[in-house]
Structure formats: structure tokens, C-alpha cells
Amino acid sequence: FSGSSFLSLAMNIIKARELSFDLTETLFEIAGTIPTTVSITWINWIIVRTTMTLPLQYMLQVNTFAFQWLGWKCCRRCVMGGGPGGPVPYRIYIDAGTVFLCVVGLGPVSPIVAPCAALYFLYCAPLWRRNCVFMYRPKFDTGG
């Protein structure tokens, strides 16, 4: 979250050609930018995923309707679900991990991230449970 501040610190060290730098000044810069710019970006990402992407992709299956409208029957069948179903998409794990890291990393600095993440998980957990039961095929089935 603070890579740009450390990069500018490193560039200033290279330009000055000496190793004396003010670490506290860099930490104050990081403390000023994380709550105002970085956390706002990730809150926006969480809100868009919760209100637009997850309902359209995982609940309404917009891809199925789009492929039906285009007349691509093979692609429609791949994303439709039912029958044996498809594998669980990796985006479920990536998105959950990203939101969790946002809460852990940005929560103490910008507390508004925590309620947004809580709403994300309150909406996503039942949706993913429904999809795993009715739409996706398990990777391994031991039959016992």
C-alpha cells in the first residue's frame, strides 16, 4: 500500500548519493496517503464487487444470457451450470483473500473499510454456498 512512498524515498537517496534520509518524514507521508487515497480505492473495489460484479456474474449469470443473445450455444453451456457443472472459479478465493487483506492492512488506518468488508462477506457467503451446492462440480468426489 505504500510502495510509491518507499520508491520516492529510494529515488531521493539515489539522487543525493548518500544514505542519510529522514525515515520519519516518509512514514508521515505514508500515514497521510493511506487513509485518503489507498483505502478509498479499495473501498470502491469492495463496493463494486458487492453491488455489481457478484450479483451479475454469480447470481444472475449474465454470461449465460449474453452467450444466448449472441447465439453461441457451446459457450452458453459452459457457463450455464446445472448438469455436472463446471469447476469452482478461482476468483472466489482471490476476491475473499483480497478483501480480508484490505481489512487487516487498512482497517486500523481507515476503519470504514471494516463495515464495507463485513457487508461483502455477509452477501458473499450465502451466494457462494448456493453456487457451490447447485452450480459447480467438486474437483474430487470420493463417493463415500
N, C-alpha and C. Protein backbone atom coordinates (compact mmCIF):
# COMPACT_ATOMS: atom_id res chain seq x y z
N PHE A 1 0.80 -1.19 0.00
CA PHE A 1 0.00 0.00 0.00
C PHE A 1 0.85 1.26 0.00
N SER A 2 2.08 1.14 0.37
CA SER A 2 2.92 2.33 0.48
C SER A 2 4.16 2.23 -0.40
N GLY A 3 4.07 1.48 -1.47
CA GLY A 3 5.22 1.28 -2.35
C GLY A 3 5.69 2.56 -3.01
N SER A 4 4.74 3.43 -3.39
CA SER A 4 5.15 4.67 -4.06
C SER A 4 5.94 5.57 -3.13
N SER A 5 5.60 5.60 -1.85
CA SER A 5 6.35 6.43 -0.91
C SER A 5 7.77 5.89 -0.71
N PHE A 6 7.89 4.57 -0.60
CA PHE A 6 9.23 4.00 -0.46
C PHE A 6 10.03 4.14 -1.74
N LEU A 7 9.36 4.09 -2.90
CA LEU A 7 10.06 4.29 -4.16
C LEU A 7 10.59 5.71 -4.26
N SER A 8 9.78 6.70 -3.88
CA SER A 8 10.27 8.07 -3.91
C SER A 8 11.39 8.28 -2.90
N LEU A 9 11.32 7.59 -1.76
CA LEU A 9 12.41 7.66 -0.79
C LEU A 9 13.69 7.09 -1.40
N ALA A 10 13.59 5.95 -2.08
CA ALA A 10 14.77 5.35 -2.70
C ALA A 10 15.32 6.25 -3.81
N MET A 11 14.44 6.86 -4.58
CA MET A 11 14.91 7.76 -5.64
C MET A 11 15.63 8.98 -5.07
N ASN A 12 15.12 9.50 -3.95
CA ASN A 12 15.79 10.64 -3.31
C ASN A 12 17.15 10.23 -2.77
N ILE A 13 17.28 9.02 -2.26
CA ILE A 13 18.58 8.55 -1.78
C ILE A 13 19.55 8.42 -2.94
N ILE A 14 19.08 7.88 -4.07
CA ILE A 14 19.95 7.72 -5.24
C ILE A 14 20.38 9.07 -5.78
N LYS A 15 19.46 10.03 -5.83
CA LYS A 15 19.79 11.37 -6.33
C LYS A 15 20.79 12.07 -5.43
N ALA A 16 20.63 11.93 -4.13
CA ALA A 16 21.53 12.61 -3.20
C ALA A 16 22.86 11.89 -3.06
N ARG A 17 22.92 10.62 -3.49
CA ARG A 17 24.12 9.79 -3.42
C ARG A 17 24.67 9.66 -1.99
N GLU A 18 23.76 9.64 -1.08
CA GLU A 18 24.16 9.40 0.30
C GLU A 18 23.05 8.61 0.99
N LEU A 19 23.37 7.97 2.06
CA LEU A 19 22.43 7.11 2.74
C LEU A 19 21.70 7.80 3.88
N SER A 20 21.94 9.07 4.09
CA SER A 20 21.22 9.75 5.17
C SER A 20 19.86 10.19 4.63
N PHE A 21 18.81 9.74 5.28
CA PHE A 21 17.46 10.11 4.87
C PHE A 21 16.59 10.22 6.11
N ASP A 22 15.49 10.86 5.93
CA ASP A 22 14.59 11.06 7.06
C ASP A 22 13.45 10.06 6.97
N LEU A 23 13.56 9.00 7.74
CA LEU A 23 12.55 7.94 7.72
C LEU A 23 11.23 8.41 8.31
N THR A 24 11.29 9.28 9.30
CA THR A 24 10.04 9.76 9.90
C THR A 24 9.23 10.58 8.91
N GLU A 25 9.91 11.32 8.06
CA GLU A 25 9.19 12.10 7.04
C GLU A 25 8.47 11.18 6.06
N THR A 26 9.11 10.09 5.69
CA THR A 26 8.47 9.11 4.80
C THR A 26 7.29 8.43 5.49
N LEU A 27 7.44 8.11 6.76
CA LEU A 27 6.33 7.48 7.49
C LEU A 27 5.14 8.44 7.64
N PHE A 28 5.41 9.73 7.84
CA PHE A 28 4.32 10.70 7.89
C PHE A 28 3.62 10.82 6.54
N GLU A 29 4.38 10.73 5.46
CA GLU A 29 3.78 10.76 4.13
C GLU A 29 2.89 9.54 3.90
N ILE A 30 3.37 8.39 4.32
CA ILE A 30 2.57 7.16 4.20
C ILE A 30 1.31 7.27 5.04
N ALA A 31 1.44 7.78 6.25
CA ALA A 31 0.28 7.91 7.14
C ALA A 31 -0.74 8.90 6.60
N GLY A 32 -0.30 9.84 5.79
CA GLY A 32 -1.22 10.80 5.21
C GLY A 32 -1.90 10.29 3.95
N THR A 33 -1.24 9.44 3.19
CA THR A 33 -1.82 8.99 1.93
C THR A 33 -2.68 7.74 2.05
N ILE A 34 -2.39 6.87 2.98
CA ILE A 34 -3.16 5.61 3.06
C ILE A 34 -4.63 5.87 3.38
N PRO A 35 -4.99 6.67 4.38
CA PRO A 35 -6.43 6.84 4.65
C PRO A 35 -7.15 7.63 3.56
N THR A 36 -6.46 8.51 2.87
CA THR A 36 -7.16 9.38 1.91
C THR A 36 -7.19 8.84 0.49
N THR A 37 -6.21 8.10 0.07
CA THR A 37 -6.20 7.66 -1.33
C THR A 37 -6.26 6.14 -1.47
N VAL A 38 -5.43 5.43 -0.76
CA VAL A 38 -5.34 3.98 -0.93
C VAL A 38 -6.61 3.29 -0.42
N SER A 39 -7.06 3.66 0.77
CA SER A 39 -8.24 2.99 1.32
C SER A 39 -9.49 3.32 0.52
N ILE A 40 -9.58 4.51 -0.03
CA ILE A 40 -10.74 4.88 -0.85
C ILE A 40 -10.79 4.01 -2.10
N THR A 41 -9.65 3.74 -2.69
CA THR A 41 -9.61 2.90 -3.88
C THR A 41 -10.10 1.49 -3.57
N TRP A 42 -9.65 0.92 -2.47
CA TRP A 42 -10.05 -0.44 -2.13
C TRP A 42 -11.48 -0.52 -1.63
N ILE A 43 -11.97 0.53 -0.97
CA ILE A 43 -13.39 0.56 -0.59
C ILE A 43 -14.25 0.58 -1.85
N ASN A 44 -13.85 1.36 -2.83
CA ASN A 44 -14.57 1.40 -4.10
C ASN A 44 -14.57 0.02 -4.75
N TRP A 45 -13.44 -0.66 -4.72
CA TRP A 45 -13.36 -2.00 -5.31
C TRP A 45 -14.30 -2.97 -4.59
N ILE A 46 -14.33 -2.92 -3.27
CA ILE A 46 -15.19 -3.81 -2.50
C ILE A 46 -16.66 -3.51 -2.80
N ILE A 47 -17.03 -2.24 -2.87
CA ILE A 47 -18.42 -1.88 -3.13
C ILE A 47 -18.84 -2.31 -4.54
N VAL A 48 -17.99 -2.11 -5.53
CA VAL A 48 -18.33 -2.51 -6.90
C VAL A 48 -18.45 -4.03 -6.99
N ARG A 49 -17.56 -4.75 -6.36
CA ARG A 49 -17.66 -6.22 -6.38
C ARG A 49 -18.94 -6.69 -5.70
N THR A 50 -19.32 -6.05 -4.59
CA THR A 50 -20.50 -6.49 -3.84
C THR A 50 -21.79 -6.14 -4.56
N THR A 51 -21.87 -4.97 -5.15
CA THR A 51 -23.14 -4.50 -5.70
C THR A 51 -23.32 -4.78 -7.19
N MET A 52 -22.23 -4.96 -7.93
CA MET A 52 -22.39 -5.15 -9.38
C MET A 52 -21.85 -6.50 -9.87
N THR A 53 -20.61 -6.77 -9.60
CA THR A 53 -19.98 -7.95 -10.19
C THR A 53 -20.55 -9.25 -9.64
N LEU A 54 -20.62 -9.37 -8.32
CA LEU A 54 -21.11 -10.63 -7.74
C LEU A 54 -22.57 -10.91 -8.09
N PRO A 55 -23.48 -9.94 -7.99
CA PRO A 55 -24.85 -10.27 -8.39
C PRO A 55 -24.98 -10.60 -9.87
N LEU A 56 -24.28 -9.88 -10.72
CA LEU A 56 -24.42 -10.12 -12.15
C LEU A 56 -23.75 -11.41 -12.60
N GLN A 57 -22.56 -11.68 -12.10
CA GLN A 57 -21.81 -12.85 -12.57
C GLN A 57 -22.21 -14.14 -11.87
N TYR A 58 -22.37 -14.08 -10.55
CA TYR A 58 -22.55 -15.31 -9.80
C TYR A 58 -24.00 -15.60 -9.42
N MET A 59 -24.88 -14.59 -9.47
CA MET A 59 -26.26 -14.84 -9.10
C MET A 59 -27.17 -14.86 -10.33
N LEU A 60 -27.06 -13.87 -11.18
CA LEU A 60 -27.91 -13.80 -12.37
C LEU A 60 -27.30 -14.50 -13.58
N GLN A 61 -26.03 -14.81 -13.53
CA GLN A 61 -25.34 -15.49 -14.63
C GLN A 61 -25.51 -14.73 -15.94
N VAL A 62 -25.08 -13.47 -15.95
CA VAL A 62 -25.22 -12.61 -17.12
C VAL A 62 -24.49 -13.19 -18.33
N ASN A 63 -23.40 -13.92 -18.11
CA ASN A 63 -22.68 -14.51 -19.23
C ASN A 63 -23.57 -15.47 -20.01
N THR A 64 -24.42 -16.21 -19.31
CA THR A 64 -25.32 -17.14 -19.98
C THR A 64 -26.27 -16.39 -20.91
N PHE A 65 -26.83 -15.30 -20.42
CA PHE A 65 -27.74 -14.51 -21.25
C PHE A 65 -27.02 -13.86 -22.42
N ALA A 66 -25.79 -13.41 -22.18
CA ALA A 66 -25.03 -12.79 -23.26
C ALA A 66 -24.70 -13.81 -24.36
N PHE A 67 -24.28 -15.01 -23.98
CA PHE A 67 -23.98 -16.03 -24.98
C PHE A 67 -25.24 -16.51 -25.70
N GLN A 68 -26.36 -16.53 -25.01
CA GLN A 68 -27.62 -16.90 -25.65
C GLN A 68 -28.02 -15.84 -26.67
N TRP A 69 -27.84 -14.58 -26.32
CA TRP A 69 -28.16 -13.48 -27.23
C TRP A 69 -27.26 -13.50 -28.46
N LEU A 70 -25.98 -13.87 -28.27
CA LEU A 70 -25.05 -13.96 -29.39
C LEU A 70 -25.24 -15.23 -30.21
N GLY A 71 -25.93 -16.22 -29.64
CA GLY A 71 -26.15 -17.47 -30.35
C GLY A 71 -25.00 -18.46 -30.22
N TRP A 72 -24.16 -18.31 -29.23
CA TRP A 72 -23.02 -19.20 -29.01
C TRP A 72 -23.44 -20.29 -28.04
N LYS A 73 -23.97 -21.39 -28.54
CA LYS A 73 -24.53 -22.43 -27.69
C LYS A 73 -23.46 -23.15 -26.86
N CYS A 74 -22.29 -23.37 -27.44
CA CYS A 74 -21.26 -24.09 -26.69
C CYS A 74 -20.76 -23.26 -25.50
N CYS A 75 -20.56 -21.98 -25.71
CA CYS A 75 -20.11 -21.12 -24.61
C CYS A 75 -21.21 -20.95 -23.56
N ARG A 76 -22.45 -20.89 -24.03
CA ARG A 76 -23.57 -20.77 -23.09
C ARG A 76 -23.63 -21.99 -22.18
N ARG A 77 -23.42 -23.16 -22.74
CA ARG A 77 -23.47 -24.39 -21.95
C ARG A 77 -22.31 -24.43 -20.94
N CYS A 78 -21.18 -23.90 -21.31
CA CYS A 78 -20.02 -23.91 -20.40
C CYS A 78 -20.27 -23.07 -19.15
N VAL A 79 -20.96 -21.94 -19.30
CA VAL A 79 -21.16 -21.05 -18.16
C VAL A 79 -22.52 -21.22 -17.51
N MET A 80 -23.37 -22.10 -18.04
CA MET A 80 -24.74 -22.20 -17.56
C MET A 80 -24.86 -22.89 -16.21
N GLY A 81 -24.06 -23.86 -15.91
CA GLY A 81 -24.22 -24.60 -14.67
C GLY A 81 -25.23 -25.71 -14.87
N GLY A 82 -25.60 -26.36 -13.79
CA GLY A 82 -26.50 -27.49 -13.90
C GLY A 82 -25.76 -28.68 -14.46
N GLY A 83 -26.41 -29.81 -14.57
CA GLY A 83 -25.72 -31.00 -15.07
C GLY A 83 -24.53 -31.28 -14.19
N PRO A 84 -23.42 -31.67 -14.80
CA PRO A 84 -22.24 -31.89 -13.96
C PRO A 84 -21.63 -30.59 -13.46
N GLY A 85 -21.96 -29.47 -14.08
CA GLY A 85 -21.44 -28.17 -13.65
C GLY A 85 -19.97 -27.99 -14.00
N GLY A 86 -19.49 -26.82 -13.75
CA GLY A 86 -18.10 -26.51 -14.03
C GLY A 86 -17.29 -26.45 -12.75
N PRO A 87 -16.00 -26.22 -12.88
CA PRO A 87 -15.17 -26.11 -11.67
C PRO A 87 -15.44 -24.79 -10.95
N VAL A 88 -15.12 -24.76 -9.68
CA VAL A 88 -15.28 -23.54 -8.89
C VAL A 88 -14.29 -22.50 -9.41
N PRO A 89 -14.76 -21.29 -9.76
CA PRO A 89 -13.83 -20.28 -10.28
C PRO A 89 -12.85 -19.81 -9.21
N TYR A 90 -11.62 -19.60 -9.63
CA TYR A 90 -10.58 -19.20 -8.70
C TYR A 90 -10.81 -17.79 -8.17
N ARG A 91 -11.62 -16.98 -8.87
CA ARG A 91 -11.86 -15.60 -8.43
C ARG A 91 -12.52 -15.54 -7.06
N ILE A 92 -13.25 -16.58 -6.70
CA ILE A 92 -13.89 -16.60 -5.39
C ILE A 92 -12.83 -16.52 -4.30
N TYR A 93 -11.78 -17.30 -4.43
CA TYR A 93 -10.73 -17.33 -3.42
C TYR A 93 -9.88 -16.05 -3.47
N ILE A 94 -9.61 -15.57 -4.66
CA ILE A 94 -8.80 -14.36 -4.81
C ILE A 94 -9.52 -13.16 -4.21
N ASP A 95 -10.81 -13.00 -4.52
CA ASP A 95 -11.55 -11.85 -4.01
C ASP A 95 -11.70 -11.90 -2.49
N ALA A 96 -11.98 -13.07 -1.95
CA ALA A 96 -12.11 -13.19 -0.49
C ALA A 96 -10.79 -12.86 0.20
N GLY A 97 -9.70 -13.35 -0.35
CA GLY A 97 -8.38 -13.04 0.22
C GLY A 97 -8.03 -11.57 0.13
N THR A 98 -8.39 -10.95 -1.00
CA THR A 98 -8.11 -9.52 -1.16
C THR A 98 -8.89 -8.68 -0.17
N VAL A 99 -10.16 -8.99 0.01
CA VAL A 99 -10.98 -8.23 0.97
C VAL A 99 -10.46 -8.45 2.38
N PHE A 100 -10.09 -9.68 2.71
CA PHE A 100 -9.55 -9.95 4.04
C PHE A 100 -8.26 -9.18 4.28
N LEU A 101 -7.37 -9.14 3.29
CA LEU A 101 -6.13 -8.38 3.45
C LEU A 101 -6.39 -6.88 3.55
N CYS A 102 -7.41 -6.40 2.86
CA CYS A 102 -7.77 -4.98 3.00
C CYS A 102 -8.23 -4.67 4.42
N VAL A 103 -8.99 -5.57 5.01
CA VAL A 103 -9.45 -5.36 6.39
C VAL A 103 -8.27 -5.39 7.34
N VAL A 104 -7.39 -6.36 7.18
CA VAL A 104 -6.25 -6.49 8.09
C VAL A 104 -5.26 -5.35 7.89
N GLY A 105 -4.98 -4.99 6.64
CA GLY A 105 -3.98 -3.97 6.38
C GLY A 105 -4.47 -2.55 6.50
N LEU A 106 -5.72 -2.30 6.08
CA LEU A 106 -6.22 -0.93 6.07
C LEU A 106 -7.20 -0.63 7.20
N GLY A 107 -7.71 -1.66 7.86
CA GLY A 107 -8.69 -1.46 8.92
C GLY A 107 -8.22 -0.56 10.06
N PRO A 108 -7.01 -0.75 10.58
CA PRO A 108 -6.56 0.13 11.66
C PRO A 108 -6.35 1.58 11.22
N VAL A 109 -6.00 1.79 9.96
CA VAL A 109 -5.73 3.14 9.49
C VAL A 109 -7.02 3.84 9.05
N SER A 110 -7.87 3.10 8.38
CA SER A 110 -9.13 3.64 7.88
C SER A 110 -10.26 2.70 8.29
N PRO A 111 -10.91 2.95 9.41
CA PRO A 111 -11.88 2.00 9.95
C PRO A 111 -13.13 1.80 9.09
N ILE A 112 -13.38 2.65 8.12
CA ILE A 112 -14.56 2.49 7.27
C ILE A 112 -14.44 1.27 6.35
N VAL A 113 -13.25 0.74 6.21
CA VAL A 113 -13.04 -0.45 5.38
C VAL A 113 -13.73 -1.66 6.01
N ALA A 114 -13.73 -1.75 7.32
CA ALA A 114 -14.28 -2.92 8.01
C ALA A 114 -15.78 -3.12 7.76
N PRO A 115 -16.64 -2.09 7.85
CA PRO A 115 -18.05 -2.34 7.55
C PRO A 115 -18.30 -2.72 6.09
N CYS A 116 -17.55 -2.13 5.18
CA CYS A 116 -17.70 -2.50 3.76
C CYS A 116 -17.32 -3.96 3.55
N ALA A 117 -16.26 -4.40 4.18
CA ALA A 117 -15.84 -5.80 4.06
C ALA A 117 -16.84 -6.73 4.74
N ALA A 118 -17.40 -6.30 5.86
CA ALA A 118 -18.40 -7.13 6.54
C ALA A 118 -19.63 -7.32 5.65
N LEU A 119 -20.08 -6.25 5.00
CA LEU A 119 -21.21 -6.38 4.07
C LEU A 119 -20.86 -7.28 2.90
N TYR A 120 -19.61 -7.19 2.44
CA TYR A 120 -19.16 -8.05 1.34
C TYR A 120 -19.28 -9.52 1.74
N PHE A 121 -18.77 -9.86 2.92
CA PHE A 121 -18.81 -11.26 3.33
C PHE A 121 -20.22 -11.72 3.71
N LEU A 122 -21.05 -10.81 4.27
CA LEU A 122 -22.42 -11.18 4.57
C LEU A 122 -23.22 -11.48 3.31
N TYR A 123 -22.89 -10.82 2.23
CA TYR A 123 -23.57 -11.07 0.96
C TYR A 123 -22.96 -12.28 0.24
N CYS A 124 -21.66 -12.40 0.30
CA CYS A 124 -20.97 -13.42 -0.49
C CYS A 124 -21.09 -14.83 0.07
N ALA A 125 -21.08 -14.98 1.37
CA ALA A 125 -21.09 -16.32 1.94
C ALA A 125 -22.31 -17.13 1.53
N PRO A 126 -23.53 -16.61 1.64
CA PRO A 126 -24.67 -17.40 1.16
C PRO A 126 -24.68 -17.60 -0.35
N LEU A 127 -24.21 -16.59 -1.08
CA LEU A 127 -24.17 -16.71 -2.54
C LEU A 127 -23.19 -17.80 -2.96
N TRP A 128 -22.01 -17.84 -2.36
CA TRP A 128 -21.04 -18.87 -2.72
C TRP A 128 -21.50 -20.24 -2.28
N ARG A 129 -22.17 -20.31 -1.13
CA ARG A 129 -22.69 -21.60 -0.68
C ARG A 129 -23.73 -22.12 -1.67
N ARG A 130 -24.62 -21.27 -2.12
CA ARG A 130 -25.62 -21.65 -3.11
C ARG A 130 -24.96 -22.12 -4.40
N ASN A 131 -23.98 -21.37 -4.86
CA ASN A 131 -23.31 -21.73 -6.11
C ASN A 131 -22.53 -23.03 -5.98
N CYS A 132 -21.87 -23.25 -4.86
CA CYS A 132 -21.11 -24.49 -4.69
C CYS A 132 -22.02 -25.71 -4.62
N VAL A 133 -23.23 -25.53 -4.09
CA VAL A 133 -24.15 -26.65 -4.00
C VAL A 133 -24.84 -26.92 -5.33
N PHE A 134 -25.31 -25.87 -6.01
CA PHE A 134 -26.16 -26.06 -7.17
C PHE A 134 -25.49 -25.87 -8.52
N MET A 135 -24.33 -25.21 -8.58
CA MET A 135 -23.78 -24.86 -9.89
C MET A 135 -22.44 -25.49 -10.22
N TYR A 136 -21.59 -25.66 -9.24
CA TYR A 136 -20.23 -26.08 -9.53
C TYR A 136 -20.01 -27.55 -9.17
N ARG A 137 -19.15 -28.18 -9.93
CA ARG A 137 -18.81 -29.59 -9.71
C ARG A 137 -17.59 -29.63 -8.80
N PRO A 138 -17.61 -30.50 -7.78
CA PRO A 138 -16.42 -30.61 -6.94
C PRO A 138 -15.26 -31.21 -7.73
N LYS A 139 -14.07 -30.79 -7.41
CA LYS A 139 -12.91 -31.29 -8.14
C LYS A 139 -12.66 -32.77 -7.85
N PHE A 140 -12.85 -33.16 -6.61
CA PHE A 140 -12.67 -34.56 -6.23
C PHE A 140 -13.94 -35.06 -5.57
N ASP A 141 -14.40 -36.23 -5.95
CA ASP A 141 -15.57 -36.84 -5.34
C ASP A 141 -15.21 -38.29 -5.03
N THR A 142 -15.06 -38.58 -3.75
CA THR A 142 -14.63 -39.94 -3.38
C THR A 142 -15.78 -40.92 -3.31
N GLY A 143 -17.01 -40.39 -3.29
CA GLY A 143 -18.16 -41.27 -3.30
C GLY A 143 -18.45 -41.91 -1.96
N GLY A 144 -17.84 -41.45 -0.91
CA GLY A 144 -18.07 -42.13 0.36
C GLY A 144 -18.40 -41.23 1.47
